[in-house]
């Protein structure tokens, strides 16, 4: 006889009755590590209890919160007493905690600190190994889940900021068993086969401590450290810190921030270039105006210097002219003197230089003429 089908609601209601009537499920004591602690506006506290292999969703009522010795936070090792309840609408079960004792640091937190100390002692986190991100990357690689908020936020941010950069996506599991190994393999693959990638973003969106744990695995940290391509770690939200963040060249608080860090805003760059262009043109105009003014001043000084020099030269010439005119031998001819020259053009200085019956040129103030020397009339000897 075929079984009569039941609805999903009927199944969940049946499981709820089974659990409520089970004496063990009505009063269980469970130890584990707190993860994903959230204080709701109503005052209730929601969190998960986790260990190395599983997690259990928990609810802690606001009326019990005053009983806590300190505020709950991720990583605390606690022991919880309560009952298991079925959420019929969602088909999930949770632990409704009525007593909570804080024991200390949980397994995940202790493992985090152990690995952190180990890698730090090896220099994996040393700033001297950090590579600088290129100012103008041509290609950005992204290693994250193929679906989800992280890939959307990263690609949307990069495309909105930069219209020339290419995005290469390398899908990888980001949580669960084997996720760390897959992430490390993707990092190695990109380095070996896509050397033209300028920046590599490795990360995921927010989640509980166990959801983010793949990015706290040693294999991922070493893959990031060995990457020749600069790595930006973008794991979870701003309050989440991972081993990957410490090993990476740059930590981004969120996937969106990773997109902002990886590429420059080309719109802002264009505005800056216009501003620089405007400043350079103004500076050039100012320099030209200054040099024109300077040249005009120099030209004016040169003109004044030339005028002064010409004036001085004219004055000197006039002085020389006066001296020359005063010593011009022709000037004395106006007083009745004459210049006597022989046929060779030699000035005759005295009667002793003259030869009887020879012709001589006589120059007076208003002209010249020829004369013949007949004889000496009188001789004055000094």
Protein backbone atom coordinates (compact mmCIF):
# COMPACT_ATOMS: atom_id res chain seq x y z
CA UNK A 1 0.00 0.00 0.00
CA UNK A 2 1.44 3.33 -1.09
CA UNK A 3 2.12 5.88 1.62
CA UNK A 4 -0.08 8.93 1.63
CA UNK A 5 2.02 12.06 0.84
CA UNK A 6 2.22 14.78 3.46
CA UNK A 7 3.05 18.46 3.16
CA UNK A 8 6.32 20.08 4.17
CA UNK A 9 4.55 21.83 7.03
CA UNK A 10 3.14 18.55 8.30
CA UNK A 11 6.62 17.02 8.29
CA UNK A 12 8.12 19.94 10.19
CA UNK A 13 5.28 19.92 12.72
CA UNK A 14 5.81 16.19 13.26
CA UNK A 15 9.56 16.69 13.83
CA UNK A 16 8.76 19.52 16.25
CA UNK A 17 6.52 17.24 18.32
CA UNK A 18 9.16 14.51 18.34
CA UNK A 19 11.85 16.88 19.55
CA UNK A 20 9.65 18.50 22.19
CA UNK A 21 8.73 15.14 23.65
CA UNK A 22 12.31 13.85 23.66
CA UNK A 23 13.74 14.24 27.19
CA UNK A 24 17.31 14.51 25.89
CA UNK A 25 16.45 17.24 23.37
CA UNK A 26 14.60 19.15 26.09
CA UNK A 27 17.69 19.59 28.24
CA UNK A 28 21.00 19.28 26.44
CA UNK A 29 24.41 20.60 27.48
CA UNK A 30 26.65 21.50 24.56
CA UNK A 31 30.12 23.01 24.47
CA UNK A 32 31.62 24.82 21.53
CA UNK A 33 33.01 28.08 20.24
CA UNK A 34 30.92 31.19 19.62
CA UNK A 35 30.68 32.34 16.03
CA UNK A 36 28.63 34.99 14.26
CA UNK A 37 27.49 36.65 17.49
CA UNK A 38 24.78 39.24 16.78
CA UNK A 39 23.00 41.42 19.35
CA UNK A 40 19.57 42.18 17.88
CA UNK A 41 17.75 45.49 18.43
CA UNK A 42 15.17 43.52 20.44
CA UNK A 43 17.91 42.58 22.93
CA UNK A 44 18.01 38.92 21.91
CA UNK A 45 21.38 37.40 21.00
CA UNK A 46 21.84 35.12 18.00
CA UNK A 47 24.98 33.06 17.50
CA UNK A 48 26.34 29.69 16.41
CA UNK A 49 28.18 27.09 18.42
CA UNK A 50 30.95 25.55 16.31
CA UNK A 51 33.66 22.97 16.58
CA UNK A 52 36.13 21.64 14.02
CA UNK A 53 33.40 19.87 12.02
CA UNK A 54 29.94 21.34 12.63
CA UNK A 55 27.87 24.27 13.80
CA UNK A 56 24.61 24.75 15.69
CA UNK A 57 22.42 27.85 15.52
CA UNK A 58 21.51 29.25 18.96
CA UNK A 59 19.09 31.74 20.48
CA UNK A 60 19.65 33.58 23.79
CA UNK A 61 16.72 35.56 25.15
CA UNK A 62 17.03 39.24 26.08
CA UNK A 63 15.68 38.48 29.59
CA UNK A 64 18.75 36.31 30.23
CA UNK A 65 21.34 38.77 28.87
CA UNK A 66 21.76 40.51 32.28
CA UNK A 67 23.00 37.17 33.66
CA UNK A 68 26.09 37.29 31.41
CA UNK A 69 29.36 38.14 33.14
CA UNK A 70 30.70 39.78 29.96
CA UNK A 71 29.57 40.60 26.46
CA UNK A 72 29.61 37.66 24.08
CA UNK A 73 31.96 37.73 21.11
CA UNK A 74 33.26 35.41 18.42
CA UNK A 75 35.93 32.99 19.53
CA UNK A 76 34.73 32.46 23.09
CA UNK A 77 34.67 28.86 24.30
CA UNK A 78 31.32 28.33 26.09
CA UNK A 79 29.07 25.65 27.53
CA UNK A 80 25.37 26.11 26.80
CA UNK A 81 22.36 24.41 28.40
CA UNK A 82 18.98 24.51 26.70
CA UNK A 83 16.42 22.80 24.53
CA UNK A 84 16.38 22.01 20.84
CA UNK A 85 13.51 23.66 18.97
CA UNK A 86 12.28 23.29 15.41
CA UNK A 87 11.52 26.39 13.35
CA UNK A 88 8.54 25.04 11.39
CA UNK A 89 8.49 27.87 8.84
CA UNK A 90 12.13 27.39 7.87
CA UNK A 91 12.60 23.71 8.54
CA UNK A 92 15.66 24.35 10.71
CA UNK A 93 16.48 23.62 14.30
CA UNK A 94 18.22 25.71 16.95
CA UNK A 95 19.35 25.53 20.54
CA UNK A 96 17.26 27.77 22.79
CA UNK A 97 19.80 28.55 25.49
CA UNK A 98 18.70 29.04 29.10
CA UNK A 99 22.16 28.99 30.65
CA UNK A 100 25.55 29.99 29.23
CA UNK A 101 28.96 29.66 30.85
CA UNK A 102 32.05 31.23 29.36
CA UNK A 103 35.03 28.85 29.52
CA UNK A 104 37.71 30.85 27.70
CA UNK A 105 39.12 30.93 24.19
CA UNK A 106 37.62 28.54 21.67
CA UNK A 107 39.30 26.12 19.30
CA UNK A 108 39.10 28.35 16.21
CA UNK A 109 40.49 31.37 18.04
CA UNK A 110 43.30 29.30 19.53
CA UNK A 111 44.12 27.83 16.10
CA UNK A 112 44.06 31.32 14.59
CA UNK A 113 46.55 32.61 17.16
CA UNK A 114 48.76 29.53 16.80
CA UNK A 115 49.02 29.86 13.01
CA UNK A 116 49.40 33.62 13.24
CA UNK A 117 52.39 33.25 15.59
CA UNK A 118 53.94 30.54 13.42
CA UNK A 119 53.72 32.47 10.15
CA UNK A 120 54.78 35.69 11.81
CA UNK A 121 57.95 34.02 13.12
CA UNK A 122 58.75 33.01 9.53
CA UNK A 123 58.41 36.59 8.29
CA UNK A 124 55.31 35.87 6.19
CA UNK A 125 53.66 39.06 7.47
CA UNK A 126 56.81 41.23 7.32
CA UNK A 127 56.22 44.57 5.60
CA UNK A 128 59.50 44.27 3.69
CA UNK A 129 57.89 41.52 1.59
CA UNK A 130 54.82 43.58 0.70
CA UNK A 131 54.57 44.43 -3.00
CA UNK A 132 53.24 47.80 -4.12
CA UNK A 133 50.08 47.87 -6.19
CA UNK A 134 50.51 49.30 -9.71
CA UNK A 135 49.06 52.77 -10.11
CA UNK A 136 47.33 52.01 -13.41
CA UNK A 137 46.55 48.27 -13.68
CA UNK A 138 45.38 47.00 -17.06
CA UNK A 139 44.02 43.69 -15.73
CA UNK A 140 42.60 42.76 -12.34
CA UNK A 141 42.12 39.11 -11.39
CA UNK A 142 39.44 38.11 -8.87
CA UNK A 143 39.40 34.83 -6.94
CA UNK A 144 36.08 34.33 -5.15
CA UNK A 145 32.81 32.43 -5.46
CA UNK A 146 31.23 32.66 -8.92
CA UNK A 147 27.97 33.87 -7.36
CA UNK A 148 27.16 36.03 -4.39
CA UNK A 149 27.55 39.59 -3.18
CA UNK A 150 31.35 39.64 -3.23
CA UNK A 151 31.80 39.15 -6.98
CA UNK A 152 28.98 41.60 -7.71
CA UNK A 153 30.40 44.26 -5.39
CA UNK A 154 33.95 43.91 -6.76
CA UNK A 155 33.03 44.00 -10.46
CA UNK A 156 30.46 46.76 -10.01
CA UNK A 157 32.94 48.93 -8.11
CA UNK A 158 35.77 48.44 -10.61
CA UNK A 159 33.54 49.12 -13.63
CA UNK A 160 32.06 52.23 -12.02
CA UNK A 161 35.51 53.63 -11.27
CA UNK A 162 37.56 52.55 -14.27
CA UNK A 163 36.45 52.10 -17.90
CA UNK A 164 39.77 50.79 -19.25
CA UNK A 165 40.69 47.98 -16.83
CA UNK A 166 39.83 44.38 -17.70
CA UNK A 167 38.47 42.00 -15.04
CA UNK A 168 39.34 38.29 -15.09
CA UNK A 169 37.30 36.10 -12.72
CA UNK A 170 38.68 32.81 -11.40
CA UNK A 171 35.80 31.09 -9.54
CA UNK A 172 36.62 29.11 -6.41
CA UNK A 173 34.80 27.66 -3.41
CA UNK A 174 35.28 30.03 -0.49
CA UNK A 175 33.91 27.96 2.38
CA UNK A 176 33.58 24.37 3.43
CA UNK A 177 35.92 21.42 3.27
CA UNK A 178 38.70 21.80 0.71
CA UNK A 179 37.97 25.49 0.01
CA UNK A 180 41.39 26.61 1.28
CA UNK A 181 43.21 24.21 -1.05
CA UNK A 182 41.11 25.37 -4.00
CA UNK A 183 41.82 29.04 -3.27
CA UNK A 184 45.57 28.30 -3.04
CA UNK A 185 45.45 26.42 -6.36
CA UNK A 186 43.69 29.33 -8.06
CA UNK A 187 46.36 31.75 -6.82
CA UNK A 188 49.10 29.50 -8.17
CA UNK A 189 47.23 29.00 -11.46
CA UNK A 190 46.88 32.73 -12.08
CA UNK A 191 50.59 33.30 -11.39
CA UNK A 192 51.63 30.52 -13.77
CA UNK A 193 49.18 31.17 -16.60
CA UNK A 194 48.15 34.82 -16.41
CA UNK A 195 51.31 36.81 -15.77
CA UNK A 196 49.64 39.82 -17.45
CA UNK A 197 47.32 40.19 -14.44
CA UNK A 198 48.50 43.28 -12.54
CA UNK A 199 46.52 42.87 -9.30
CA UNK A 200 44.84 39.84 -7.74
CA UNK A 201 41.86 40.24 -5.39
CA UNK A 202 41.26 37.22 -3.14
CA UNK A 203 38.24 37.19 -0.85
CA UNK A 204 34.56 36.74 -0.13
CA UNK A 205 31.61 38.42 1.55
CA UNK A 206 30.73 38.31 5.22
CA UNK A 207 29.86 35.27 7.26
CA UNK A 208 30.51 33.45 10.50
CA UNK A 209 33.96 32.52 11.70
CA UNK A 210 33.67 29.02 10.27
CA UNK A 211 32.37 30.42 6.96
CA UNK A 212 35.50 32.58 6.68
CA UNK A 213 37.86 29.88 7.96
CA UNK A 214 39.25 28.92 4.53
CA UNK A 215 41.06 32.27 4.52
CA UNK A 216 42.71 31.36 7.83
CA UNK A 217 44.34 28.22 6.45
CA UNK A 218 48.10 27.99 6.19
CA UNK A 219 48.04 26.84 2.56
CA UNK A 220 46.22 30.01 1.50
CA UNK A 221 48.58 32.27 3.44
CA UNK A 222 51.64 30.64 1.83
CA UNK A 223 50.09 30.85 -1.66
CA UNK A 224 49.46 34.57 -1.16
CA UNK A 225 53.00 35.09 0.14
CA UNK A 226 54.49 33.24 -2.86
CA UNK A 227 52.41 35.15 -5.42
CA UNK A 228 54.46 37.30 -7.78
CA UNK A 229 51.30 39.26 -8.52
CA UNK A 230 50.34 41.76 -5.78
CA UNK A 231 47.42 40.41 -3.74
CA UNK A 232 44.57 42.36 -2.15
CA UNK A 233 42.79 40.37 0.58
CA UNK A 234 39.10 41.18 0.94
CA UNK A 235 37.51 38.82 3.47
CA UNK A 236 34.17 39.53 5.13
CA UNK A 237 33.33 42.85 6.73
CA UNK A 238 35.48 45.56 8.26
CA UNK A 239 35.51 43.86 11.68
CA UNK A 240 36.67 40.53 10.23
CA UNK A 241 40.42 39.85 10.25
CA UNK A 242 41.94 36.78 8.64
CA UNK A 243 45.37 35.23 8.19
CA UNK A 244 44.99 36.07 4.49
CA UNK A 245 44.70 39.76 5.41
CA UNK A 246 48.02 39.58 7.22
CA UNK A 247 49.80 37.69 4.43
CA UNK A 248 48.47 39.83 1.58
CA UNK A 249 50.23 42.88 0.20
CA UNK A 250 47.17 45.02 0.98
CA UNK A 251 44.12 44.35 3.16
CA UNK A 252 40.72 45.66 2.07
CA UNK A 253 38.01 45.95 4.71
CA UNK A 254 35.33 44.70 2.29
CA UNK A 255 35.08 43.39 -1.29
CA UNK A 256 33.80 46.82 -2.33
CA UNK A 257 36.84 48.45 -0.74
CA UNK A 258 39.05 46.00 -2.65
CA UNK A 259 37.65 47.28 -5.94
CA UNK A 260 38.32 50.84 -4.84
CA UNK A 261 41.89 50.02 -3.81
CA UNK A 262 42.75 47.98 -6.90
CA UNK A 263 42.01 50.59 -9.58
CA UNK A 264 42.09 54.38 -9.80
CA UNK A 265 38.95 56.36 -10.58
CA UNK A 266 39.41 57.40 -14.23
CA UNK A 267 36.76 60.09 -13.81
CA UNK A 268 38.72 61.67 -10.99
CA UNK A 269 41.93 61.29 -12.99
CA UNK A 270 40.35 63.10 -15.94
CA UNK A 271 39.30 65.94 -13.64
CA UNK A 272 42.78 66.11 -12.13
CA UNK A 273 44.33 66.19 -15.61
CA UNK A 274 42.01 69.07 -16.56
CA UNK A 275 42.96 70.89 -13.36
CA UNK A 276 46.66 70.35 -14.07
CA UNK A 277 46.15 71.49 -17.67
CA UNK A 278 44.37 74.64 -16.46
CA UNK A 279 47.14 75.33 -13.93
CA UNK A 280 49.85 74.80 -16.55
CA UNK A 281 48.11 77.12 -19.03
CA UNK A 282 47.73 79.82 -16.37
CA UNK A 283 51.35 79.35 -15.35
CA UNK A 284 52.41 79.53 -19.00
CA UNK A 285 50.37 82.70 -19.54
CA UNK A 286 51.84 84.23 -16.40
CA UNK A 287 55.35 83.27 -17.47
CA UNK A 288 54.80 84.72 -20.96
CA UNK A 289 53.38 87.96 -19.52
CA UNK A 290 56.26 88.20 -17.06
CA UNK A 291 58.86 87.57 -19.76
CA UNK A 292 57.20 90.09 -22.10
CA UNK A 293 57.30 92.68 -19.32
CA UNK A 294 60.88 91.75 -18.56
CA UNK A 295 61.81 92.00 -22.27
CA UNK A 296 60.11 95.41 -22.56
CA UNK A 297 62.03 96.64 -19.53
CA UNK A 298 65.29 95.35 -21.00
CA UNK A 299 64.43 96.93 -24.37
CA UNK A 300 63.63 100.24 -22.70
CA UNK A 301 66.90 100.11 -20.77
CA UNK A 302 68.80 99.30 -23.99
CA UNK A 303 67.16 102.21 -25.79
CA UNK A 304 68.04 104.58 -22.97
CA UNK A 305 71.58 103.22 -22.91
CA UNK A 306 71.92 103.58 -26.70
CA UNK A 307 70.50 107.13 -26.62
CA UNK A 308 72.90 108.07 -23.84
CA UNK A 309 75.82 106.43 -25.63
CA UNK A 310 74.94 108.16 -28.91
CA UNK A 311 74.62 111.46 -27.10
CA UNK A 312 78.04 110.98 -25.52
CA UNK A 313 79.56 110.00 -28.89
CA UNK A 314 77.97 113.01 -30.61
CA UNK A 315 79.42 115.23 -27.89
CA UNK A 316 82.85 113.67 -28.38
CA UNK A 317 82.60 114.08 -32.16
CA UNK A 318 81.68 117.73 -31.75
CA UNK A 319 84.66 118.18 -29.48
CA UNK A 320 86.92 116.47 -32.00
CA UNK A 321 85.40 118.60 -34.74
CA UNK A 322 86.11 121.76 -32.81
CA UNK A 323 89.69 120.64 -32.22
CA UNK A 324 90.13 119.66 -35.87
CA UNK A 325 88.60 122.88 -37.11
CA UNK A 326 90.85 124.80 -34.77
CA UNK A 327 93.90 123.06 -36.14
CA UNK A 328 92.87 123.04 -39.82
CA UNK A 329 95.81 124.48 -41.78
CA UNK A 330 93.37 125.90 -44.33
CA UNK A 331 91.88 128.15 -41.70
CA UNK A 332 95.09 130.22 -41.48
CA UNK A 333 94.89 130.89 -45.23
CA UNK A 334 92.04 133.33 -44.55
CA UNK A 335 94.56 135.51 -42.73
CA UNK A 336 96.56 135.98 -45.95
CA UNK A 337 98.83 133.00 -45.73
CA UNK A 338 99.44 130.59 -48.60
CA UNK A 339 100.63 127.02 -49.10
CA UNK A 340 103.42 126.53 -51.61
CA UNK A 341 103.96 123.09 -53.23
CA UNK A 342 106.52 121.89 -55.76
CA UNK A 343 105.64 119.85 -58.81
CA UNK A 344 105.76 116.66 -56.70
CA UNK A 345 103.13 117.97 -54.28
CA UNK A 346 105.68 118.53 -51.53
CA UNK A 347 105.10 121.54 -49.29
CA UNK A 348 107.88 124.11 -49.69
CA UNK A 349 108.82 125.17 -46.14
CA UNK A 350 111.49 127.76 -46.99
CA UNK A 351 113.16 129.74 -49.75
CA UNK A 352 116.06 127.36 -49.69
CA UNK A 353 113.82 124.63 -51.03
CA UNK A 354 112.92 126.64 -54.14
CA UNK A 355 114.70 126.41 -57.52
CA UNK A 356 114.93 129.43 -59.80
CA UNK A 357 112.65 129.34 -62.88
CA UNK A 358 110.68 126.35 -61.52
CA UNK A 359 106.91 126.47 -61.30
CA UNK A 360 105.14 126.06 -57.93
CA UNK A 361 101.53 125.65 -56.91
CA UNK A 362 100.22 128.34 -54.62
CA UNK A 363 97.07 127.63 -52.53
CA UNK A 364 95.16 130.55 -51.06
CA UNK A 365 91.95 130.65 -49.00
CA UNK A 366 89.73 130.84 -52.05
CA UNK A 367 91.70 128.85 -54.65
CA UNK A 368 95.02 127.73 -56.16
CA UNK A 369 97.34 128.91 -58.94
CA UNK A 370 100.75 128.34 -60.54
CA UNK A 371 103.69 130.69 -60.15
CA UNK A 372 107.30 130.73 -61.43
CA UNK A 373 110.14 131.44 -59.04
CA UNK A 374 112.28 134.16 -60.64
CA UNK A 375 114.70 135.00 -57.88
CA UNK A 376 115.07 135.44 -54.16
CA UNK A 377 114.18 138.97 -53.13
CA UNK A 378 115.09 138.96 -49.54
CA UNK A 379 116.28 136.28 -47.12
CA UNK A 380 115.52 136.35 -43.41
CA UNK A 381 117.74 134.18 -41.33
CA UNK A 382 116.66 133.56 -37.91
